[in-house]
Amino acid sequence: MVSIGKSQQRTLDKTSSLDAMEQEIHNQVEDLPAFARELGKDDRFRNLDPSGIIFTGSGDSFASSLLAHYLSQMQAVAADPYELQLHAKVS
């Protein structure tokens, strides 16, 4: 199992939710490359067929899904969670 973990292990003493969000964004500079390296070590993720991948989310997460769809040269699917629920055969 692959997990980012590093930022989750950091403790934020008595900070507001906005401070915590800001810290999480800053942590991604280190966490995301480390996460990508870990994924690269797992054979299951080396030769993925983008046409078999569905990215989903709402709000900013859906925007990320659309970016992944674009980066996969429109092979991966970007889907709204509600649409997936309505059309379960897609998933």
PDB file of N, CA and C in Angstrom:
ATOM      1  N   MET A   1       0.845  -1.175   0.000  1.00  0.00           N
ATOM      2  CA  MET A   1       0.000   0.000   0.000  1.00  0.00           C
ATOM      3  C   MET A   1       0.887   1.233   0.000  1.00  0.00           C
ATOM      4  N   VAL A   2       0.577   2.164  -0.846  1.00  0.00           N
ATOM      5  CA  VAL A   2       1.344   3.395  -0.973  1.00  0.00           C
ATOM      6  C   VAL A   2       0.559   4.517  -0.326  1.00  0.00           C
ATOM      7  N   SER A   3       1.231   5.317   0.495  1.00  0.00           N
ATOM      8  CA  SER A   3       0.559   6.484   1.069  1.00  0.00           C
ATOM      9  C   SER A   3       1.547   7.623   1.187  1.00  0.00           C
ATOM     10  N   ILE A   4       1.011   8.825   1.139  1.00  0.00           N
ATOM     11  CA  ILE A   4       1.876   9.997   1.231  1.00  0.00           C
ATOM     12  C   ILE A   4       2.451  10.086   2.631  1.00  0.00           C
ATOM     13  N   GLY A   5       1.608  10.157   3.620  1.00  0.00           N
ATOM     14  CA  GLY A   5       2.020  10.042   5.002  1.00  0.00           C
ATOM     15  C   GLY A   5       2.831  11.150   5.615  1.00  0.00           C
ATOM     16  N   LYS A   6       3.853  11.644   4.930  1.00  0.00           N
ATOM     17  CA  LYS A   6       4.780  12.590   5.543  1.00  0.00           C
ATOM     18  C   LYS A   6       4.060  13.809   6.107  1.00  0.00           C
ATOM     19  N   SER A   7       3.211  14.428   5.318  1.00  0.00           N
ATOM     20  CA  SER A   7       2.508  15.615   5.797  1.00  0.00           C
ATOM     21  C   SER A   7       1.486  15.249   6.857  1.00  0.00           C
ATOM     22  N   GLN A   8       0.958  14.034   6.775  1.00  0.00           N
ATOM     23  CA  GLN A   8      -0.012  13.600   7.759  1.00  0.00           C
ATOM     24  C   GLN A   8       0.651  13.379   9.113  1.00  0.00           C
ATOM     25  N   GLN A   9       1.948  13.115   9.115  1.00  0.00           N
ATOM     26  CA  GLN A   9       2.664  12.879  10.355  1.00  0.00           C
ATOM     27  C   GLN A   9       3.072  14.177  11.035  1.00  0.00           C
ATOM     28  N   ARG A  10       3.115  15.247  10.267  1.00  0.00           N
ATOM     29  CA  ARG A  10       3.496  16.531  10.847  1.00  0.00           C
ATOM     30  C   ARG A  10       2.378  17.016  11.757  1.00  0.00           C
ATOM     31  N   THR A  11       2.722  17.547  12.877  1.00  0.00           N
ATOM     32  CA  THR A  11       1.699  18.060  13.781  1.00  0.00           C
ATOM     33  C   THR A  11       1.639  19.567  13.683  1.00  0.00           C
ATOM     34  N   LEU A  12       0.440  20.059  13.711  1.00  0.00           N
ATOM     35  CA  LEU A  12       0.214  21.493  13.656  1.00  0.00           C
ATOM     36  C   LEU A  12      -0.462  21.890  14.966  1.00  0.00           C
ATOM     37  N   ASP A  13       0.300  22.434  15.880  1.00  0.00           N
ATOM     38  CA  ASP A  13      -0.222  22.784  17.184  1.00  0.00           C
ATOM     39  C   ASP A  13      -1.036  24.065  17.124  1.00  0.00           C
ATOM     40  N   LYS A  14      -2.296  23.939  17.520  1.00  0.00           N
ATOM     41  CA  LYS A  14      -3.183  25.086  17.685  1.00  0.00           C
ATOM     42  C   LYS A  14      -3.167  26.028  16.486  1.00  0.00           C
ATOM     43  N   THR A  15      -3.352  25.489  15.307  1.00  0.00           N
ATOM     44  CA  THR A  15      -3.409  26.328  14.119  1.00  0.00           C
ATOM     45  C   THR A  15      -4.832  26.340  13.588  1.00  0.00           C
ATOM     46  N   SER A  16      -5.156  27.384  12.878  1.00  0.00           N
ATOM     47  CA  SER A  16      -6.479  27.464  12.273  1.00  0.00           C
ATOM     48  C   SER A  16      -6.544  26.513  11.086  1.00  0.00           C
ATOM     49  N   SER A  17      -7.746  26.268  10.608  1.00  0.00           N
ATOM     50  CA  SER A  17      -7.884  25.381   9.453  1.00  0.00           C
ATOM     51  C   SER A  17      -7.226  25.988   8.216  1.00  0.00           C
ATOM     52  N   LEU A  18      -7.235  27.316   8.108  1.00  0.00           N
ATOM     53  CA  LEU A  18      -6.554  27.958   6.977  1.00  0.00           C
ATOM     54  C   LEU A  18      -5.045  27.788   7.075  1.00  0.00           C
ATOM     55  N   ASP A  19      -4.507  27.898   8.286  1.00  0.00           N
ATOM     56  CA  ASP A  19      -3.070  27.670   8.478  1.00  0.00           C
ATOM     57  C   ASP A  19      -2.709  26.225   8.137  1.00  0.00           C
ATOM     58  N   ALA A  20      -3.565  25.304   8.568  1.00  0.00           N
ATOM     59  CA  ALA A  20      -3.316  23.893   8.283  1.00  0.00           C
ATOM     60  C   ALA A  20      -3.362  23.633   6.782  1.00  0.00           C
ATOM     61  N   MET A  21      -4.324  24.259   6.091  1.00  0.00           N
ATOM     62  CA  MET A  21      -4.421  24.092   4.639  1.00  0.00           C
ATOM     63  C   MET A  21      -3.189  24.665   3.950  1.00  0.00           C
ATOM     64  N   GLU A  22      -2.742  25.819   4.397  1.00  0.00           N
ATOM     65  CA  GLU A  22      -1.543  26.425   3.814  1.00  0.00           C
ATOM     66  C   GLU A  22      -0.338  25.517   4.013  1.00  0.00           C
ATOM     67  N   GLN A  23      -0.205  24.961   5.212  1.00  0.00           N
ATOM     68  CA  GLN A  23       0.911  24.063   5.497  1.00  0.00           C
ATOM     69  C   GLN A  23       0.838  22.813   4.623  1.00  0.00           C
ATOM     70  N   GLU A  24      -0.355  22.283   4.444  1.00  0.00           N
ATOM     71  CA  GLU A  24      -0.531  21.097   3.603  1.00  0.00           C
ATOM     72  C   GLU A  24      -0.107  21.381   2.164  1.00  0.00           C
ATOM     73  N   ILE A  25      -0.451  22.541   1.653  1.00  0.00           N
ATOM     74  CA  ILE A  25      -0.061  22.912   0.288  1.00  0.00           C
ATOM     75  C   ILE A  25       1.459  23.002   0.183  1.00  0.00           C
ATOM     76  N   HIS A  26       2.091  23.613   1.169  1.00  0.00           N
ATOM     77  CA  HIS A  26       3.558  23.709   1.161  1.00  0.00           C
ATOM     78  C   HIS A  26       4.199  22.321   1.263  1.00  0.00           C
ATOM     79  N   ASN A  27       3.595  21.440   2.047  1.00  0.00           N
ATOM     80  CA  ASN A  27       4.142  20.091   2.215  1.00  0.00           C
ATOM     81  C   ASN A  27       4.109  19.294   0.916  1.00  0.00           C
ATOM     82  N   GLN A  28       3.175  19.616   0.027  1.00  0.00           N
ATOM     83  CA  GLN A  28       3.050  18.863  -1.212  1.00  0.00           C
ATOM     84  C   GLN A  28       4.293  18.971  -2.087  1.00  0.00           C
ATOM     85  N   VAL A  29       5.052  20.035  -1.928  1.00  0.00           N
ATOM     86  CA  VAL A  29       6.287  20.189  -2.703  1.00  0.00           C
ATOM     87  C   VAL A  29       7.223  19.010  -2.438  1.00  0.00           C
ATOM     88  N   GLU A  30       7.261  18.546  -1.204  1.00  0.00           N
ATOM     89  CA  GLU A  30       8.092  17.390  -0.853  1.00  0.00           C
ATOM     90  C   GLU A  30       7.320  16.080  -0.987  1.00  0.00           C
ATOM     91  N   ASP A  31       6.067  16.100  -0.571  1.00  0.00           N
ATOM     92  CA  ASP A  31       5.295  14.863  -0.492  1.00  0.00           C
ATOM     93  C   ASP A  31       4.959  14.261  -1.851  1.00  0.00           C
ATOM     94  N   LEU A  32       4.584  15.081  -2.817  1.00  0.00           N
ATOM     95  CA  LEU A  32       4.154  14.535  -4.107  1.00  0.00           C
ATOM     96  C   LEU A  32       5.275  13.836  -4.872  1.00  0.00           C
ATOM     97  N   PRO A  33       6.487  14.405  -4.946  1.00  0.00           N
ATOM     98  CA  PRO A  33       7.567  13.652  -5.604  1.00  0.00           C
ATOM     99  C   PRO A  33       7.893  12.339  -4.881  1.00  0.00           C
ATOM    100  N   ALA A  34       7.844  12.357  -3.560  1.00  0.00           N
ATOM    101  CA  ALA A  34       8.102  11.133  -2.800  1.00  0.00           C
ATOM    102  C   ALA A  34       7.014  10.097  -3.082  1.00  0.00           C
ATOM    103  N   PHE A  35       5.780  10.546  -3.155  1.00  0.00           N
ATOM    104  CA  PHE A  35       4.660   9.661  -3.468  1.00  0.00           C
ATOM    105  C   PHE A  35       4.826   9.067  -4.867  1.00  0.00           C
ATOM    106  N   ALA A  36       5.217   9.891  -5.831  1.00  0.00           N
ATOM    107  CA  ALA A  36       5.430   9.416  -7.204  1.00  0.00           C
ATOM    108  C   ALA A  36       6.544   8.371  -7.251  1.00  0.00           C
ATOM    109  N   ARG A  37       7.608   8.586  -6.488  1.00  0.00           N
ATOM    110  CA  ARG A  37       8.702   7.598  -6.446  1.00  0.00           C
ATOM    111  C   ARG A  37       8.200   6.267  -5.893  1.00  0.00           C
ATOM    112  N   GLU A  38       7.388   6.329  -4.844  1.00  0.00           N
ATOM    113  CA  GLU A  38       6.848   5.105  -4.255  1.00  0.00           C
ATOM    114  C   GLU A  38       5.942   4.378  -5.246  1.00  0.00           C
ATOM    115  N   LEU A  39       5.122   5.127  -5.971  1.00  0.00           N
ATOM    116  CA  LEU A  39       4.269   4.497  -6.980  1.00  0.00           C
ATOM    117  C   LEU A  39       5.110   3.815  -8.050  1.00  0.00           C
ATOM    118  N   GLY A  40       6.223   4.437  -8.429  1.00  0.00           N
ATOM    119  CA  GLY A  40       7.099   3.878  -9.449  1.00  0.00           C
ATOM    120  C   GLY A  40       7.727   2.560  -9.042  1.00  0.00           C
ATOM    121  N   LYS A  41       7.812   2.303  -7.749  1.00  0.00           N
ATOM    122  CA  LYS A  41       8.384   1.054  -7.246  1.00  0.00           C
ATOM    123  C   LYS A  41       7.385  -0.101  -7.297  1.00  0.00           C
ATOM    124  N   ASP A  42       6.114   0.219  -7.438  1.00  0.00           N
ATOM    125  CA  ASP A  42       5.056  -0.790  -7.426  1.00  0.00           C
ATOM    126  C   ASP A  42       4.730  -1.205  -8.865  1.00  0.00           C
ATOM    127  N   ASP A  43       4.932  -2.466  -9.177  1.00  0.00           N
ATOM    128  CA  ASP A  43       4.710  -2.963 -10.541  1.00  0.00           C
ATOM    129  C   ASP A  43       3.296  -2.701 -11.053  1.00  0.00           C
ATOM    130  N   ARG A  44       2.317  -2.653 -10.150  1.00  0.00           N
ATOM    131  CA  ARG A  44       0.930  -2.439 -10.583  1.00  0.00           C
ATOM    132  C   ARG A  44       0.730  -1.087 -11.250  1.00  0.00           C
ATOM    133  N   PHE A  45       1.611  -0.124 -10.977  1.00  0.00           N
ATOM    134  CA  PHE A  45       1.426   1.224 -11.495  1.00  0.00           C
ATOM    135  C   PHE A  45       2.374   1.576 -12.640  1.00  0.00           C
ATOM    136  N   ARG A  46       3.203   0.656 -13.049  1.00  0.00           N
ATOM    137  CA  ARG A  46       4.200   0.969 -14.082  1.00  0.00           C
ATOM    138  C   ARG A  46       3.621   1.030 -15.484  1.00  0.00           C
ATOM    139  N   ASN A  47       2.736   0.134 -15.815  1.00  0.00           N
ATOM    140  CA  ASN A  47       2.215   0.057 -17.185  1.00  0.00           C
ATOM    141  C   ASN A  47       0.695   0.170 -17.203  1.00  0.00           C
ATOM    142  N   LEU A  48       0.194   1.210 -16.599  1.00  0.00           N
ATOM    143  CA  LEU A  48      -1.253   1.406 -16.571  1.00  0.00           C
ATOM    144  C   LEU A  48      -1.772   1.806 -17.946  1.00  0.00           C
ATOM    145  N   ASP A  49      -2.930   1.290 -18.285  1.00  0.00           N
ATOM    146  CA  ASP A  49      -3.619   1.699 -19.508  1.00  0.00           C
ATOM    147  C   ASP A  49      -4.545   2.856 -19.136  1.00  0.00           C
ATOM    148  N   PRO A  50      -4.252   4.065 -19.584  1.00  0.00           N
ATOM    149  CA  PRO A  50      -5.063   5.227 -19.200  1.00  0.00           C
ATOM    150  C   PRO A  50      -6.545   5.071 -19.519  1.00  0.00           C
ATOM    151  N   SER A  51      -6.877   4.291 -20.549  1.00  0.00           N
ATOM    152  CA  SER A  51      -8.286   4.141 -20.909  1.00  0.00           C
ATOM    153  C   SER A  51      -9.068   3.349 -19.864  1.00  0.00           C
ATOM    154  N   GLY A  52      -8.376   2.707 -18.944  1.00  0.00           N
ATOM    155  CA  GLY A  52      -9.034   1.957 -17.879  1.00  0.00           C
ATOM    156  C   GLY A  52      -9.084   2.703 -16.560  1.00  0.00           C
ATOM    157  N   ILE A  53      -8.770   3.997 -16.574  1.00  0.00           N
ATOM    158  CA  ILE A  53      -8.708   4.788 -15.345  1.00  0.00           C
ATOM    159  C   ILE A  53      -9.831   5.815 -15.329  1.00  0.00           C
ATOM    160  N   ILE A  54     -10.497   5.926 -14.180  1.00  0.00           N
ATOM    161  CA  ILE A  54     -11.526   6.945 -13.986  1.00  0.00           C
ATOM    162  C   ILE A  54     -11.085   7.844 -12.839  1.00  0.00           C
ATOM    163  N   PHE A  55     -10.965   9.137 -13.109  1.00  0.00           N
ATOM    164  CA  PHE A  55     -10.689  10.131 -12.081  1.00  0.00           C
ATOM    165  C   PHE A  55     -12.004  10.804 -11.738  1.00  0.00           C
ATOM    166  N   THR A  56     -12.261  10.992 -10.462  1.00  0.00           N
ATOM    167  CA  THR A  56     -13.510  11.619 -10.056  1.00  0.00           C
ATOM    168  C   THR A  56     -13.280  12.584  -8.905  1.00  0.00           C
ATOM    169  N   GLY A  57     -14.215  13.450  -8.701  1.00  0.00           N
ATOM    170  CA  GLY A  57     -14.145  14.407  -7.609  1.00  0.00           C
ATOM    171  C   GLY A  57     -15.127  15.529  -7.866  1.00  0.00           C
ATOM    172  N   SER A  58     -15.309  16.351  -6.857  1.00  0.00           N
ATOM    173  CA  SER A  58     -16.178  17.518  -7.021  1.00  0.00           C
ATOM    174  C   SER A  58     -15.373  18.759  -6.659  1.00  0.00           C
ATOM    175  N   GLY A  59     -15.767  19.869  -7.210  1.00  0.00           N
ATOM    176  CA  GLY A  59     -15.047  21.112  -6.947  1.00  0.00           C
ATOM    177  C   GLY A  59     -13.638  21.065  -7.502  1.00  0.00           C
ATOM    178  N   ASP A  60     -12.665  21.442  -6.670  1.00  0.00           N
ATOM    179  CA  ASP A  60     -11.262  21.435  -7.093  1.00  0.00           C
ATOM    180  C   ASP A  60     -10.799  20.039  -7.503  1.00  0.00           C
ATOM    181  N   SER A  61     -11.325  19.025  -6.837  1.00  0.00           N
ATOM    182  CA  SER A  61     -10.942  17.657  -7.184  1.00  0.00           C
ATOM    183  C   SER A  61     -11.417  17.287  -8.582  1.00  0.00           C
ATOM    184  N   PHE A  62     -12.578  17.784  -8.974  1.00  0.00           N
ATOM    185  CA  PHE A  62     -13.050  17.524 -10.333  1.00  0.00           C
ATOM    186  C   PHE A  62     -12.169  18.251 -11.342  1.00  0.00           C
ATOM    187  N   ALA A  63     -11.720  19.450 -10.985  1.00  0.00           N
ATOM    188  CA  ALA A  63     -10.788  20.172 -11.862  1.00  0.00           C
ATOM    189  C   ALA A  63      -9.512  19.355 -12.045  1.00  0.00           C
ATOM    190  N   SER A  64      -9.040  18.719 -10.980  1.00  0.00           N
ATOM    191  CA  SER A  64      -7.863  17.847 -11.079  1.00  0.00           C
ATOM    192  C   SER A  64      -8.159  16.637 -11.958  1.00  0.00           C
ATOM    193  N   SER A  65      -9.376  16.124 -11.865  1.00  0.00           N
ATOM    194  CA  SER A  65      -9.779  15.006 -12.720  1.00  0.00           C
ATOM    195  C   SER A  65      -9.734  15.399 -14.187  1.00  0.00           C
ATOM    196  N   LEU A  66     -10.206  16.603 -14.484  1.00  0.00           N
ATOM    197  CA  LEU A  66     -10.173  17.090 -15.863  1.00  0.00           C
ATOM    198  C   LEU A  66      -8.737  17.270 -16.353  1.00  0.00           C
ATOM    199  N   LEU A  67      -7.856  17.730 -15.461  1.00  0.00           N
ATOM    200  CA  LEU A  67      -6.446  17.868 -15.826  1.00  0.00           C
ATOM    201  C   LEU A  67      -5.841  16.496 -16.143  1.00  0.00           C
ATOM    202  N   ALA A  68      -6.136  15.506 -15.311  1.00  0.00           N
ATOM    203  CA  ALA A  68      -5.627  14.152 -15.561  1.00  0.00           C
ATOM    204  C   ALA A  68      -6.165  13.612 -16.885  1.00  0.00           C
ATOM    205  N   HIS A  69      -7.422  13.890 -17.178  1.00  0.00           N
ATOM    206  CA  HIS A  69      -8.028  13.497 -18.454  1.00  0.00           C
ATOM    207  C   HIS A  69      -7.253  14.127 -19.613  1.00  0.00           C
ATOM    208  N   TYR A  70      -6.963  15.396 -19.493  1.00  0.00           N
ATOM    209  CA  TYR A  70      -6.212  16.109 -20.525  1.00  0.00           C
ATOM    210  C   TYR A  70      -4.790  15.553 -20.659  1.00  0.00           C
ATOM    211  N   LEU A  71      -4.107  15.359 -19.515  1.00  0.00           N
ATOM    212  CA  LEU A  71      -2.725  14.873 -19.543  1.00  0.00           C
ATOM    213  C   LEU A  71      -2.618  13.456 -20.105  1.00  0.00           C
ATOM    214  N   SER A  72      -3.694  12.692 -20.003  1.00  0.00           N
ATOM    215  CA  SER A  72      -3.692  11.334 -20.561  1.00  0.00           C
ATOM    216  C   SER A  72      -4.084  11.335 -22.038  1.00  0.00           C
ATOM    217  N   GLN A  73      -4.102  12.516 -22.632  1.00  0.00           N
ATOM    218  CA  GLN A  73      -4.505  12.689 -24.034  1.00  0.00           C
ATOM    219  C   GLN A  73      -5.928  12.185 -24.254  1.00  0.00           C
ATOM    220  N   MET A  74      -6.779  12.513 -23.304  1.00  0.00           N
ATOM    221  CA  MET A  74      -8.211  12.210 -23.300  1.00  0.00           C
ATOM    222  C   MET A  74      -8.519  10.712 -23.224  1.00  0.00           C
ATOM    223  N   GLN A  75      -7.559   9.906 -22.773  1.00  0.00           N
ATOM    224  CA  GLN A  75      -7.803   8.467 -22.658  1.00  0.00           C
ATOM    225  C   GLN A  75      -8.445   8.123 -21.322  1.00  0.00           C
ATOM    226  N   ALA A  76      -7.939   8.698 -20.230  1.00  0.00           N
ATOM    227  CA  ALA A  76      -8.540   8.475 -18.917  1.00  0.00           C
ATOM    228  C   ALA A  76      -9.848   9.260 -18.853  1.00  0.00           C
ATOM    229  N   VAL A  77     -10.774   8.760 -18.063  1.00  0.00           N
ATOM    230  CA  VAL A  77     -12.086   9.390 -17.937  1.00  0.00           C
ATOM    231  C   VAL A  77     -12.098  10.306 -16.718  1.00  0.00           C
ATOM    232  N   ALA A  78     -12.683  11.487 -16.886  1.00  0.00           N
ATOM    233  CA  ALA A  78     -12.959  12.385 -15.761  1.00  0.00           C
ATOM    234  C   ALA A  78     -14.463  12.356 -15.557  1.00  0.00           C
ATOM    235  N   ALA A  79     -14.906  12.035 -14.344  1.00  0.00           N
ATOM    236  CA  ALA A  79     -16.341  11.883 -14.118  1.00  0.00           C
ATOM    237  C   ALA A  79     -16.765  12.538 -12.814  1.00  0.00           C
ATOM    238  N   ASP A  80     -17.925  13.108 -12.844  1.00  0.00           N
ATOM    239  CA  ASP A  80     -18.561  13.656 -11.652  1.00  0.00           C
ATOM    240  C   ASP A  80     -19.064  12.480 -10.804  1.00  0.00           C
ATOM    241  N   PRO A  81     -18.893  12.512  -9.484  1.00  0.00           N
ATOM    242  CA  PRO A  81     -19.333  11.389  -8.642  1.00  0.00           C
ATOM    243  C   PRO A  81     -20.820  11.069  -8.806  1.00  0.00           C
ATOM    244  N   TYR A  82     -21.641  12.092  -8.958  1.00  0.00           N
ATOM    245  CA  TYR A  82     -23.078  11.868  -9.132  1.00  0.00           C
ATOM    246  C   TYR A  82     -23.347  11.114 -10.429  1.00  0.00           C
ATOM    247  N   GLU A  83     -22.638  11.483 -11.490  1.00  0.00           N
ATOM    248  CA  GLU A  83     -22.800  10.791 -12.769  1.00  0.00           C
ATOM    249  C   GLU A  83     -22.367   9.329 -12.658  1.00  0.00           C
ATOM    250  N   LEU A  84     -21.313   9.066 -11.912  1.00  0.00           N
ATOM    251  CA  LEU A  84     -20.877   7.675 -11.719  1.00  0.00           C
ATOM    252  C   LEU A  84     -21.943   6.872 -10.996  1.00  0.00           C
ATOM    253  N   GLN A  85     -22.596   7.508 -10.035  1.00  0.00           N
ATOM    254  CA  GLN A  85     -23.658   6.837  -9.293  1.00  0.00           C
ATOM    255  C   GLN A  85     -24.827   6.501 -10.226  1.00  0.00           C
ATOM    256  N   LEU A  86     -25.166   7.429 -11.109  1.00  0.00           N
ATOM    257  CA  LEU A  86     -26.278   7.204 -12.031  1.00  0.00           C
ATOM    258  C   LEU A  86     -25.955   6.156 -13.084  1.00  0.00           C
ATOM    259  N   HIS A  87     -24.702   6.100 -13.491  1.00  0.00           N
ATOM    260  CA  HIS A  87     -24.281   5.194 -14.565  1.00  0.00           C
ATOM    261  C   HIS A  87     -23.210   4.252 -14.032  1.00  0.00           C
ATOM    262  N   ALA A  88     -23.599   3.385 -13.128  1.00  0.00           N
ATOM    263  CA  ALA A  88     -22.651   2.511 -12.425  1.00  0.00           C
ATOM    264  C   ALA A  88     -21.868   1.602 -13.367  1.00  0.00           C
ATOM    265  N   LYS A  89     -22.373   1.309 -14.548  1.00  0.00           N
ATOM    266  CA  LYS A  89     -21.656   0.426 -15.472  1.00  0.00           C
ATOM    267  C   LYS A  89     -20.367   1.052 -15.973  1.00  0.00           C
ATOM    268  N   VAL A  90     -20.235   2.375 -15.893  1.00  0.00           N
ATOM    269  CA  VAL A  90     -18.995   3.053 -16.292  1.00  0.00           C
ATOM    270  C   VAL A  90     -17.880   2.651 -15.356  1.00  0.00           C
ATOM    271  N   SER A  91     -18.200   2.549 -14.063  1.00  0.00           N
ATOM    272  CA  SER A  91     -17.190   2.184 -13.072  1.00  0.00           C
ATOM    273  C   SER A  91     -17.138   0.699 -12.962  1.00  0.00           C
TER     274      SER A  91
END
